[in-house]
């Protein structure tokens, strides 16, 4: 598909970033377990996520949702979720 130029995938974020879910790719939508997991945690397009941690070993992303809940998204799943940056963590040298 065409690349969006105003964002990236959730597997590229860093702790401290705040992002908005742009869209969930067709591949993610085909993964019904993932989709219901995201819905249970209130993760939809236009949901804001505040990234708390990115697991060094597995690449799993832990984030706080607008509702105050926490969600952990494995790297494979995060790579299927398109996000737009709202606020970046202080850039590291």
Protein backbone atom coordinates (compact mmCIF):
# COMPACT_ATOMS: atom_id res chain seq x y z
CA UNK A 1 0.00 0.00 0.00
CA UNK A 2 0.99 3.65 -0.17
CA UNK A 3 3.13 4.97 2.63
CA UNK A 4 1.76 7.66 4.89
CA UNK A 5 4.37 10.35 5.27
CA UNK A 6 3.15 11.79 8.56
CA UNK A 7 3.79 8.84 10.81
CA UNK A 8 5.33 5.46 11.39
CA UNK A 9 4.52 2.13 12.93
CA UNK A 10 4.08 1.51 16.63
CA UNK A 11 7.13 -0.75 16.72
CA UNK A 12 9.38 2.28 16.10
CA UNK A 13 8.33 4.39 19.11
CA UNK A 14 10.42 5.06 22.19
CA UNK A 15 9.56 5.44 25.87
CA UNK A 16 8.21 8.94 26.46
CA UNK A 17 6.66 9.33 23.02
CA UNK A 18 3.02 10.25 22.77
CA UNK A 19 1.34 9.01 19.61
CA UNK A 20 -2.10 8.81 18.10
CA UNK A 21 -3.28 5.59 16.49
CA UNK A 22 -3.62 6.37 12.79
CA UNK A 23 -4.96 3.13 11.44
CA UNK A 24 -4.79 -0.54 12.05
CA UNK A 25 -3.60 -2.30 8.91
CA UNK A 26 -5.63 -4.95 7.10
CA UNK A 27 -3.16 -7.53 8.33
CA UNK A 28 -3.83 -6.53 11.94
CA UNK A 29 -7.57 -6.49 11.30
CA UNK A 30 -7.33 -10.06 10.06
CA UNK A 31 -5.83 -11.04 13.43
CA UNK A 32 -9.04 -11.31 15.43
CA UNK A 33 -7.24 -12.05 18.70
CA UNK A 34 -5.20 -8.89 18.32
CA UNK A 35 -8.22 -6.83 17.31
CA UNK A 36 -10.31 -7.92 20.27
CA UNK A 37 -7.32 -7.39 22.58
CA UNK A 38 -6.92 -3.81 21.34
CA UNK A 39 -10.65 -3.16 21.63
CA UNK A 40 -10.73 -4.51 25.19
CA UNK A 41 -7.98 -2.06 26.06
CA UNK A 42 -9.66 0.85 24.31
CA UNK A 43 -7.15 1.13 21.47
CA UNK A 44 -8.86 2.45 18.33
CA UNK A 45 -7.94 4.82 15.52
CA UNK A 46 -7.41 8.31 17.01
CA UNK A 47 -6.68 6.86 20.46
CA UNK A 48 -3.75 8.59 22.16
CA UNK A 49 -1.05 6.36 23.58
CA UNK A 50 1.66 7.47 25.96
CA UNK A 51 4.57 5.08 25.57
CA UNK A 52 5.81 3.95 28.98
CA UNK A 53 8.40 1.38 27.95
CA UNK A 54 9.77 -0.56 25.04
CA UNK A 55 11.15 -3.95 25.99
CA UNK A 56 14.79 -4.15 24.87
CA UNK A 57 14.72 -7.88 24.28
CA UNK A 58 11.34 -8.49 22.70
CA UNK A 59 10.50 -5.05 21.35
CA UNK A 60 7.10 -5.15 23.07
CA UNK A 61 5.58 -1.71 23.60
CA UNK A 62 3.89 -0.85 26.90
CA UNK A 63 1.69 2.24 26.73
CA UNK A 64 -0.91 4.12 28.72
CA UNK A 65 -4.19 4.78 26.94
CA UNK A 66 -6.26 7.93 27.28
CA UNK A 67 -8.57 6.04 29.62
CA UNK A 68 -5.65 5.49 31.97
CA UNK A 69 -5.32 1.78 31.31
CA UNK A 70 -2.11 0.10 30.30
CA UNK A 71 -1.68 -2.05 27.25
CA UNK A 72 1.26 -4.21 26.16
CA UNK A 73 1.58 -4.80 22.44
CA UNK A 74 4.07 -7.32 21.12
CA UNK A 75 6.48 -6.10 18.45
CA UNK A 76 4.91 -8.22 15.71
CA UNK A 77 1.54 -6.62 16.41
CA UNK A 78 3.00 -3.14 16.91
CA UNK A 79 4.50 -3.34 13.43
CA UNK A 80 0.94 -3.57 12.05
CA UNK A 81 -0.36 -0.46 13.80
CA UNK A 82 0.23 2.91 12.15
CA UNK A 83 0.67 5.89 14.47
CA UNK A 84 1.25 9.63 14.19
CA UNK A 85 3.56 11.42 16.61
CA UNK A 86 1.94 13.92 18.96
CA UNK A 87 4.92 14.56 21.19
CA UNK A 88 8.37 13.06 20.99
CA UNK A 89 10.50 12.20 23.95
CA UNK A 90 13.49 14.50 24.25
CA UNK A 91 15.70 13.45 21.39
CA UNK A 92 18.73 11.53 22.51
CA UNK A 93 22.12 12.64 21.17
